[in-house]
Amino acid sequence: AVVSTQSTGNDLGVLQSSDGSWTPHLAELTTKARRMSGWALSVFSDRSTGTMLTLLQSVIRPQVEYCSPLWNPVKKRDISSIEDIQRRFTRKIDSCKELSYWERLEHLDLLSLQRRRERYIVIHVWKILNEIVPNSVGMKFRKSSRRGIKATVPPFNHQAQGAISTRFESSFAVRGAQLWNSVPKEVRECQSLHALKVSLGNFLRTVPDEPPVRGYTTAWSNSLIDWKRGVQLNLGEYSFIS
């Protein structure tokens, strides 16, 4: 029998191409989310904040957050494509029509989809550390009295091809460790899941949430990793997009 090759594989609803990228999955989930957003706006005429946020949280976000720690993108064009779902939907809210997307996030007390994915990753790393979920990626931790519990970022051969480098940098083993190390010591040392979520939430409120969005090129990725490194300092003025 002839064994045929497939360009895309499907594992529990997550698509991955034969070269190891998540491009097919990102395309699929944004298509589904746009379709669901269009359906919600056509069925429900109420554009009040309460109704719109309920629709966002119950029928739209689930389309773009399933298994997100696994496929979380690092390229700005992919981040922007996903973020566009929430940007377009919140623009329809009556009280937000004159606000930019970044202003809407603050006004509605919402996290960007990008920031929500990174929050999920930090929580999942905490679960690995506390043996609540399997450590399937072999993540290692080290502890010091001054820095607390840090995750070890796997080493990489920087002479490898660009595509391999991108997949390595976006992998959960690498990105998860980097994000974990980016949050304060007091967050990493929480003893319960509830305490972690509260402490992490309080920390995230102190970090600007300005995701890259379509039609506007930013000089940063908005990742907690970059904010930690201070990339956003001294960037000068920038404009908003609605």
C-alpha atoms as a PDB file:
ATOM      1  CA  ALA A   1       0.000   0.000   0.000  1.00  0.00           C
ATOM      2  CA  VAL A   2       1.118   3.519  -0.755  1.00  0.00           C
ATOM      3  CA  VAL A   3       1.346   5.816   2.238  1.00  0.00           C
ATOM      4  CA  SER A   4       0.361   9.319   1.231  1.00  0.00           C
ATOM      5  CA  THR A   5       1.725  12.415   2.928  1.00  0.00           C
ATOM      6  CA  GLN A   6      -0.504  15.119   4.345  1.00  0.00           C
ATOM      7  CA  SER A   7       0.348  18.809   4.345  1.00  0.00           C
ATOM      8  CA  THR A   8      -1.663  19.376   7.523  1.00  0.00           C
ATOM      9  CA  GLY A   9      -2.358  17.269  10.581  1.00  0.00           C
ATOM     10  CA  ASN A  10      -5.249  17.579  13.037  1.00  0.00           C
ATOM     11  CA  ASP A  11      -4.806  16.626  16.690  1.00  0.00           C
ATOM     12  CA  LEU A  12      -7.797  17.284  18.976  1.00  0.00           C
ATOM     13  CA  GLY A  13      -8.916  20.185  16.817  1.00  0.00           C
ATOM     14  CA  VAL A  14      -5.507  21.857  16.522  1.00  0.00           C
ATOM     15  CA  LEU A  15      -4.017  22.020  13.022  1.00  0.00           C
ATOM     16  CA  GLN A  16      -0.301  21.855  12.315  1.00  0.00           C
ATOM     17  CA  SER A  17       1.479  21.898   8.957  1.00  0.00           C
ATOM     18  CA  SER A  18       4.005  19.281   7.901  1.00  0.00           C
ATOM     19  CA  ASP A  19       6.832  21.755   8.524  1.00  0.00           C
ATOM     20  CA  GLY A  20       5.759  22.179  12.159  1.00  0.00           C
ATOM     21  CA  SER A  21       4.118  25.601  11.874  1.00  0.00           C
ATOM     22  CA  TRP A  22       0.692  26.570  13.234  1.00  0.00           C
ATOM     23  CA  THR A  23      -0.245  28.662  10.190  1.00  0.00           C
ATOM     24  CA  PRO A  24      -3.178  26.408   9.157  1.00  0.00           C
ATOM     25  CA  HIS A  25      -4.622  26.569  12.665  1.00  0.00           C
ATOM     26  CA  LEU A  26      -4.322  30.350  12.891  1.00  0.00           C
ATOM     27  CA  ALA A  27      -6.097  30.710   9.548  1.00  0.00           C
ATOM     28  CA  GLU A  28      -8.843  28.313  10.620  1.00  0.00           C
ATOM     29  CA  LEU A  29      -9.525  29.919  13.985  1.00  0.00           C
ATOM     30  CA  THR A  30      -9.624  33.481  12.650  1.00  0.00           C
ATOM     31  CA  THR A  31     -12.062  32.396   9.931  1.00  0.00           C
ATOM     32  CA  LYS A  32     -14.333  30.710  12.482  1.00  0.00           C
ATOM     33  CA  ALA A  33     -14.149  33.678  14.847  1.00  0.00           C
ATOM     34  CA  ARG A  34     -15.036  36.168  12.102  1.00  0.00           C
ATOM     35  CA  ARG A  35     -17.961  33.998  11.093  1.00  0.00           C
ATOM     36  CA  MET A  36     -19.178  33.762  14.691  1.00  0.00           C
ATOM     37  CA  SER A  37     -18.743  37.500  15.181  1.00  0.00           C
ATOM     38  CA  GLY A  38     -20.798  38.201  12.080  1.00  0.00           C
ATOM     39  CA  TRP A  39     -23.501  35.829  13.266  1.00  0.00           C
ATOM     40  CA  ALA A  40     -23.674  37.458  16.716  1.00  0.00           C
ATOM     41  CA  LEU A  41     -23.941  40.961  15.272  1.00  0.00           C
ATOM     42  CA  SER A  42     -26.677  39.902  12.852  1.00  0.00           C
ATOM     43  CA  VAL A  43     -28.785  38.073  15.447  1.00  0.00           C
ATOM     44  CA  PHE A  44     -28.440  40.521  18.347  1.00  0.00           C
ATOM     45  CA  SER A  45     -29.250  44.173  17.647  1.00  0.00           C
ATOM     46  CA  ASP A  46     -28.452  45.348  21.188  1.00  0.00           C
ATOM     47  CA  ARG A  47     -25.068  47.130  21.173  1.00  0.00           C
ATOM     48  CA  SER A  48     -24.985  47.902  24.894  1.00  0.00           C
ATOM     49  CA  THR A  49     -21.785  47.132  26.790  1.00  0.00           C
ATOM     50  CA  GLY A  50     -23.287  44.306  28.856  1.00  0.00           C
ATOM     51  CA  THR A  51     -24.774  42.438  25.898  1.00  0.00           C
ATOM     52  CA  MET A  52     -21.728  42.861  23.678  1.00  0.00           C
ATOM     53  CA  LEU A  53     -19.260  41.735  26.339  1.00  0.00           C
ATOM     54  CA  THR A  54     -21.419  38.698  27.083  1.00  0.00           C
ATOM     55  CA  LEU A  55     -21.324  37.748  23.402  1.00  0.00           C
ATOM     56  CA  LEU A  56     -17.590  38.387  23.221  1.00  0.00           C
ATOM     57  CA  GLN A  57     -16.837  36.227  26.228  1.00  0.00           C
ATOM     58  CA  SER A  58     -19.266  33.398  25.500  1.00  0.00           C
ATOM     59  CA  VAL A  59     -19.227  32.811  21.743  1.00  0.00           C
ATOM     60  CA  ILE A  60     -16.282  34.665  20.180  1.00  0.00           C
ATOM     61  CA  ARG A  61     -13.280  34.365  22.480  1.00  0.00           C
ATOM     62  CA  PRO A  62     -13.598  30.559  22.784  1.00  0.00           C
ATOM     63  CA  GLN A  63     -13.006  30.361  19.022  1.00  0.00           C
ATOM     64  CA  VAL A  64      -9.564  31.969  19.349  1.00  0.00           C
ATOM     65  CA  GLU A  65      -8.379  30.671  22.724  1.00  0.00           C
ATOM     66  CA  TYR A  66      -8.726  26.890  22.549  1.00  0.00           C
ATOM     67  CA  CYS A  67      -5.292  25.335  23.340  1.00  0.00           C
ATOM     68  CA  SER A  68      -3.690  28.766  22.897  1.00  0.00           C
ATOM     69  CA  PRO A  69      -0.589  28.031  25.043  1.00  0.00           C
ATOM     70  CA  LEU A  70       0.358  25.470  22.400  1.00  0.00           C
ATOM     71  CA  TRP A  71       0.082  27.621  19.268  1.00  0.00           C
ATOM     72  CA  ASN A  72       0.560  31.126  20.714  1.00  0.00           C
ATOM     73  CA  PRO A  73       2.113  33.155  17.839  1.00  0.00           C
ATOM     74  CA  VAL A  74       5.170  35.402  18.123  1.00  0.00           C
ATOM     75  CA  LYS A  75       5.042  37.068  14.704  1.00  0.00           C
ATOM     76  CA  LYS A  76       3.359  40.470  14.825  1.00  0.00           C
ATOM     77  CA  ARG A  77       1.280  39.819  11.704  1.00  0.00           C
ATOM     78  CA  ASP A  78      -0.230  36.704  13.312  1.00  0.00           C
ATOM     79  CA  ILE A  79      -0.800  38.479  16.632  1.00  0.00           C
ATOM     80  CA  SER A  80      -2.489  41.336  14.777  1.00  0.00           C
ATOM     81  CA  SER A  81      -4.681  39.006  12.708  1.00  0.00           C
ATOM     82  CA  ILE A  82      -6.100  37.365  15.835  1.00  0.00           C
ATOM     83  CA  GLU A  83      -6.378  40.655  17.732  1.00  0.00           C
ATOM     84  CA  ASP A  84      -8.411  42.060  14.857  1.00  0.00           C
ATOM     85  CA  ILE A  85     -11.333  39.834  15.914  1.00  0.00           C
ATOM     86  CA  GLN A  86     -11.742  41.581  19.261  1.00  0.00           C
ATOM     87  CA  ARG A  87     -10.828  44.989  17.836  1.00  0.00           C
ATOM     88  CA  ARG A  88     -13.580  44.910  15.230  1.00  0.00           C
ATOM     89  CA  PHE A  89     -16.194  43.525  17.610  1.00  0.00           C
ATOM     90  CA  THR A  90     -15.604  46.044  20.418  1.00  0.00           C
ATOM     91  CA  ARG A  91     -15.779  48.885  17.890  1.00  0.00           C
ATOM     92  CA  LYS A  92     -19.509  48.106  17.533  1.00  0.00           C
ATOM     93  CA  ILE A  93     -20.228  48.820  21.217  1.00  0.00           C
ATOM     94  CA  ASP A  94     -22.294  52.011  21.512  1.00  0.00           C
ATOM     95  CA  SER A  95     -20.145  53.567  24.244  1.00  0.00           C
ATOM     96  CA  CYS A  96     -16.870  52.858  22.427  1.00  0.00           C
ATOM     97  CA  LYS A  97     -17.362  54.103  18.887  1.00  0.00           C
ATOM     98  CA  GLU A  98     -15.156  57.168  19.390  1.00  0.00           C
ATOM     99  CA  LEU A  99     -12.379  55.299  21.200  1.00  0.00           C
ATOM    100  CA  SER A 100      -9.257  53.683  19.764  1.00  0.00           C
ATOM    101  CA  TYR A 101      -8.756  49.973  20.374  1.00  0.00           C
ATOM    102  CA  TRP A 102      -6.187  50.559  23.099  1.00  0.00           C
ATOM    103  CA  GLU A 103      -8.579  53.037  24.727  1.00  0.00           C
ATOM    104  CA  ARG A 104     -11.428  50.534  24.444  1.00  0.00           C
ATOM    105  CA  LEU A 105      -9.409  47.903  26.273  1.00  0.00           C
ATOM    106  CA  GLU A 106      -8.914  50.277  29.185  1.00  0.00           C
ATOM    107  CA  HIS A 107     -12.483  51.609  29.112  1.00  0.00           C
ATOM    108  CA  LEU A 108     -13.999  48.101  29.109  1.00  0.00           C
ATOM    109  CA  ASP A 109     -11.429  46.687  31.547  1.00  0.00           C
ATOM    110  CA  LEU A 110     -10.423  44.051  28.991  1.00  0.00           C
ATOM    111  CA  LEU A 111      -7.124  42.372  28.283  1.00  0.00           C
ATOM    112  CA  SER A 112      -6.013  42.085  24.690  1.00  0.00           C
ATOM    113  CA  LEU A 113      -6.267  38.580  23.247  1.00  0.00           C
ATOM    114  CA  GLN A 114      -2.469  38.518  23.144  1.00  0.00           C
ATOM    115  CA  ARG A 115      -2.188  39.359  26.852  1.00  0.00           C
ATOM    116  CA  ARG A 116      -4.847  36.783  27.722  1.00  0.00           C
ATOM    117  CA  ARG A 117      -2.840  34.068  25.917  1.00  0.00           C
ATOM    118  CA  GLU A 118       0.280  34.994  27.829  1.00  0.00           C
ATOM    119  CA  ARG A 119      -1.690  34.923  31.070  1.00  0.00           C
ATOM    120  CA  TYR A 120      -2.838  31.379  30.268  1.00  0.00           C
ATOM    121  CA  ILE A 121       0.760  30.345  29.611  1.00  0.00           C
ATOM    122  CA  VAL A 122       1.982  31.687  32.963  1.00  0.00           C
ATOM    123  CA  ILE A 123      -0.842  29.845  34.734  1.00  0.00           C
ATOM    124  CA  HIS A 124       0.002  26.613  32.909  1.00  0.00           C
ATOM    125  CA  VAL A 125       3.677  26.887  33.869  1.00  0.00           C
ATOM    126  CA  TRP A 126       2.607  27.329  37.500  1.00  0.00           C
ATOM    127  CA  LYS A 127       0.547  24.143  37.184  1.00  0.00           C
ATOM    128  CA  ILE A 128       3.588  22.302  35.809  1.00  0.00           C
ATOM    129  CA  LEU A 129       5.737  23.579  38.671  1.00  0.00           C
ATOM    130  CA  ASN A 130       3.185  22.405  41.205  1.00  0.00           C
ATOM    131  CA  GLU A 131       2.646  19.061  39.444  1.00  0.00           C
ATOM    132  CA  ILE A 132      -1.016  19.719  38.714  1.00  0.00           C
ATOM    133  CA  VAL A 133      -0.497  18.916  35.031  1.00  0.00           C
ATOM    134  CA  PRO A 134       2.162  16.699  33.386  1.00  0.00           C
ATOM    135  CA  ASN A 135       5.509  18.277  32.524  1.00  0.00           C
ATOM    136  CA  SER A 136       5.405  16.940  28.971  1.00  0.00           C
ATOM    137  CA  VAL A 137       8.029  19.414  27.690  1.00  0.00           C
ATOM    138  CA  GLY A 138      10.571  18.613  30.386  1.00  0.00           C
ATOM    139  CA  MET A 139      10.554  22.131  31.823  1.00  0.00           C
ATOM    140  CA  LYS A 140      13.162  22.685  34.525  1.00  0.00           C
ATOM    141  CA  PHE A 141      13.164  25.166  37.388  1.00  0.00           C
ATOM    142  CA  ARG A 142      15.763  26.649  39.687  1.00  0.00           C
ATOM    143  CA  LYS A 143      15.236  28.521  42.948  1.00  0.00           C
ATOM    144  CA  SER A 144      17.212  31.226  44.698  1.00  0.00           C
ATOM    145  CA  SER A 145      16.403  33.323  47.734  1.00  0.00           C
ATOM    146  CA  ARG A 146      16.858  36.564  45.786  1.00  0.00           C
ATOM    147  CA  ARG A 147      15.178  35.791  42.466  1.00  0.00           C
ATOM    148  CA  GLY A 148      12.695  33.153  43.534  1.00  0.00           C
ATOM    149  CA  ILE A 149      11.676  30.281  41.262  1.00  0.00           C
ATOM    150  CA  LYS A 150      12.893  30.725  37.692  1.00  0.00           C
ATOM    151  CA  ALA A 151      12.361  28.470  34.673  1.00  0.00           C
ATOM    152  CA  THR A 152      15.329  27.370  32.579  1.00  0.00           C
ATOM    153  CA  VAL A 153      15.098  28.530  28.957  1.00  0.00           C
ATOM    154  CA  PRO A 154      16.331  25.698  26.672  1.00  0.00           C
ATOM    155  CA  PRO A 155      19.513  26.513  24.710  1.00  0.00           C
ATOM    156  CA  PHE A 156      19.401  26.867  20.938  1.00  0.00           C
ATOM    157  CA  ASN A 157      21.853  26.668  18.072  1.00  0.00           C
ATOM    158  CA  HIS A 158      21.689  30.178  16.595  1.00  0.00           C
ATOM    159  CA  GLN A 159      23.223  28.970  13.344  1.00  0.00           C
ATOM    160  CA  ALA A 160      20.059  27.037  12.523  1.00  0.00           C
ATOM    161  CA  GLN A 161      17.750  28.096   9.700  1.00  0.00           C
ATOM    162  CA  GLY A 162      15.350  30.967  10.255  1.00  0.00           C
ATOM    163  CA  ALA A 163      12.199  28.813  10.097  1.00  0.00           C
ATOM    164  CA  ILE A 164      13.588  26.452  12.728  1.00  0.00           C
ATOM    165  CA  SER A 165      14.575  29.401  14.901  1.00  0.00           C
ATOM    166  CA  THR A 166      11.057  30.822  14.746  1.00  0.00           C
ATOM    167  CA  ARG A 167       9.451  27.508  15.710  1.00  0.00           C
ATOM    168  CA  PHE A 168      11.919  27.128  18.569  1.00  0.00           C
ATOM    169  CA  GLU A 169      11.283  30.639  19.904  1.00  0.00           C
ATOM    170  CA  SER A 170       7.505  30.180  19.752  1.00  0.00           C
ATOM    171  CA  SER A 171       7.507  26.738  21.382  1.00  0.00           C
ATOM    172  CA  PHE A 172       5.879  26.388  24.776  1.00  0.00           C
ATOM    173  CA  ALA A 173       9.134  25.199  26.374  1.00  0.00           C
ATOM    174  CA  VAL A 174      10.857  28.454  25.406  1.00  0.00           C
ATOM    175  CA  ARG A 175       8.021  30.967  25.466  1.00  0.00           C
ATOM    176  CA  GLY A 176       6.576  29.539  28.653  1.00  0.00           C
ATOM    177  CA  ALA A 177       9.897  29.803  30.467  1.00  0.00           C
ATOM    178  CA  GLN A 178      10.487  33.356  29.236  1.00  0.00           C
ATOM    179  CA  LEU A 179       7.008  34.530  30.246  1.00  0.00           C
ATOM    180  CA  TRP A 180       7.269  32.846  33.640  1.00  0.00           C
ATOM    181  CA  ASN A 181      10.568  34.619  34.276  1.00  0.00           C
ATOM    182  CA  SER A 182       8.997  37.939  33.230  1.00  0.00           C
ATOM    183  CA  VAL A 183       6.469  38.096  36.060  1.00  0.00           C
ATOM    184  CA  PRO A 184       7.436  39.274  39.568  1.00  0.00           C
ATOM    185  CA  LYS A 185       8.822  36.937  42.218  1.00  0.00           C
ATOM    186  CA  GLU A 186       5.698  37.278  44.370  1.00  0.00           C
ATOM    187  CA  VAL A 187       3.551  35.998  41.480  1.00  0.00           C
ATOM    188  CA  ARG A 188       5.786  32.987  40.841  1.00  0.00           C
ATOM    189  CA  GLU A 189       5.787  32.013  44.506  1.00  0.00           C
ATOM    190  CA  CYS A 190       1.996  31.909  44.984  1.00  0.00           C
ATOM    191  CA  GLN A 191       0.920  28.754  46.803  1.00  0.00           C
ATOM    192  CA  SER A 192      -2.581  28.339  45.354  1.00  0.00           C
ATOM    193  CA  LEU A 193      -4.157  28.749  41.942  1.00  0.00           C
ATOM    194  CA  HIS A 194      -6.577  31.369  43.250  1.00  0.00           C
ATOM    195  CA  ALA A 195      -3.745  33.377  44.792  1.00  0.00           C
ATOM    196  CA  LEU A 196      -1.794  33.130  41.537  1.00  0.00           C
ATOM    197  CA  LYS A 197      -4.690  34.440  39.448  1.00  0.00           C
ATOM    198  CA  VAL A 198      -5.252  37.359  41.829  1.00  0.00           C
ATOM    199  CA  SER A 199      -1.572  38.269  42.046  1.00  0.00           C
ATOM    200  CA  LEU A 200      -1.045  37.865  38.299  1.00  0.00           C
ATOM    201  CA  GLY A 201      -4.131  39.961  37.567  1.00  0.00           C
ATOM    202  CA  ASN A 202      -2.885  42.754  39.822  1.00  0.00           C
ATOM    203  CA  PHE A 203       0.495  42.689  38.079  1.00  0.00           C
ATOM    204  CA  LEU A 204      -1.024  42.760  34.587  1.00  0.00           C
ATOM    205  CA  ARG A 205      -2.952  45.906  35.474  1.00  0.00           C
ATOM    206  CA  THR A 206       0.375  47.694  35.931  1.00  0.00           C
ATOM    207  CA  VAL A 207       1.706  46.738  32.482  1.00  0.00           C
ATOM    208  CA  PRO A 208       0.577  48.720  29.403  1.00  0.00           C
ATOM    209  CA  ASP A 209      -1.465  46.565  27.023  1.00  0.00           C
ATOM    210  CA  GLU A 210      -0.940  47.949  23.527  1.00  0.00           C
ATOM    211  CA  PRO A 211      -1.098  45.042  21.064  1.00  0.00           C
ATOM    212  CA  PRO A 212      -0.139  45.376  17.401  1.00  0.00           C
ATOM    213  CA  VAL A 213      -3.269  45.813  15.322  1.00  0.00           C
ATOM    214  CA  ARG A 214      -4.031  45.776  11.634  1.00  0.00           C
ATOM    215  CA  GLY A 215      -3.265  48.932   9.726  1.00  0.00           C
ATOM    216  CA  TYR A 216      -0.775  50.196  12.270  1.00  0.00           C
ATOM    217  CA  THR A 217       2.847  49.087  12.524  1.00  0.00           C
ATOM    218  CA  THR A 218       4.230  49.171  16.052  1.00  0.00           C
ATOM    219  CA  ALA A 219       7.884  49.037  17.066  1.00  0.00           C
ATOM    220  CA  TRP A 220       7.201  46.408  19.717  1.00  0.00           C
ATOM    221  CA  SER A 221       5.365  43.149  20.206  1.00  0.00           C
ATOM    222  CA  ASN A 222       3.526  44.103  23.442  1.00  0.00           C
ATOM    223  CA  SER A 223       4.648  40.800  24.977  1.00  0.00           C
ATOM    224  CA  LEU A 224       5.347  40.757  28.708  1.00  0.00           C
ATOM    225  CA  ILE A 225       8.797  39.530  27.722  1.00  0.00           C
ATOM    226  CA  ASP A 226       9.544  42.729  25.816  1.00  0.00           C
ATOM    227  CA  TRP A 227       8.051  44.967  28.481  1.00  0.00           C
ATOM    228  CA  LYS A 228      10.321  43.222  30.969  1.00  0.00           C
ATOM    229  CA  ARG A 229      13.347  43.918  28.790  1.00  0.00           C
ATOM    230  CA  GLY A 230      12.404  47.586  28.563  1.00  0.00           C
ATOM    231  CA  VAL A 231      12.067  47.575  24.770  1.00  0.00           C
ATOM    232  CA  GLN A 232       9.210  50.083  24.992  1.00  0.00           C
ATOM    233  CA  LEU A 233      11.276  52.771  26.691  1.00  0.00           C
ATOM    234  CA  ASN A 234      12.312  55.785  24.605  1.00  0.00           C
ATOM    235  CA  LEU A 235      10.174  54.892  21.601  1.00  0.00           C
ATOM    236  CA  GLY A 236       8.770  58.376  21.268  1.00  0.00           C
ATOM    237  CA  GLU A 237       5.163  59.168  20.439  1.00  0.00           C
ATOM    238  CA  TYR A 238       2.852  56.853  18.560  1.00  0.00           C
ATOM    239  CA  SER A 239      -0.687  57.094  17.252  1.00  0.00           C
ATOM    240  CA  PHE A 240      -3.791  55.025  17.874  1.00  0.00           C
ATOM    241  CA  ILE A 241      -5.989  53.039  15.548  1.00  0.00           C
ATOM    242  CA  SER A 242      -9.674  52.312  16.029  1.00  0.00           C
END
